């Protein structure tokens, strides 16, 4: 595809408001990750009320992201785009939504710990704070990938590479934190919930990378 046709492909997507919807979707997802980061920061500061408020906002953001996903799928199903293009964009939306889904899963487990008044070592929360901050960073880089998708290939690559770098960092943190949990002198029942939280955050990072990878595939396919 010539550069002109390549630019026109993305222009048509914007005209049909598909990319506007995708951008709105990722904004809600980034906010979901931000609220998880805020919740863990509040817990580390021993402010559980503030943490619960952040989780409540997180749930609203994740629900809003779900609603946008449904709307985009309906729009793509009934739109005039060729079937392969519809399929690519629907897969992208689904993979992005996975970021919010896994972030919410982590938040639900954190809420269980708060409501059950289970004591978690402060050092574990600090590790989770670092991990949640990395996931938030990866989600912001996915947003920037979308901002430059079809607009500036060089900037797109910069932010895609950032997503991949952060995802590798999270992989390393994931195993370090699992080791810390298993070696900690804590209630064995607590280990299961803590493992589920770190697993959810690792999957959220994987979803960030999957979304960025799919955007790269879309770019190559329409060059």
Foldseek 3Di string as FASTA:
>chain_A
DDLVQLLVVVVVCVVLVLLVLVLVLLVLLLLLLVLLLQLLVCVLVVNNVSNVVSLVSSVVSLVVSVVSLVVSLVSLVPDDDPPVVSVLSNVLSVLSSLLSVLSNQLSVLVVVCVVVVPDDDSVLSVLVSVLSVLLSVLSVLLSQLSVCQSPPVVSNVVSLVVLVVSLVVLVVSLVVSLVVLVPDPGDPVVNVSSNSNSVSSNSSSVSSNVSSVSSVVVSVVSD
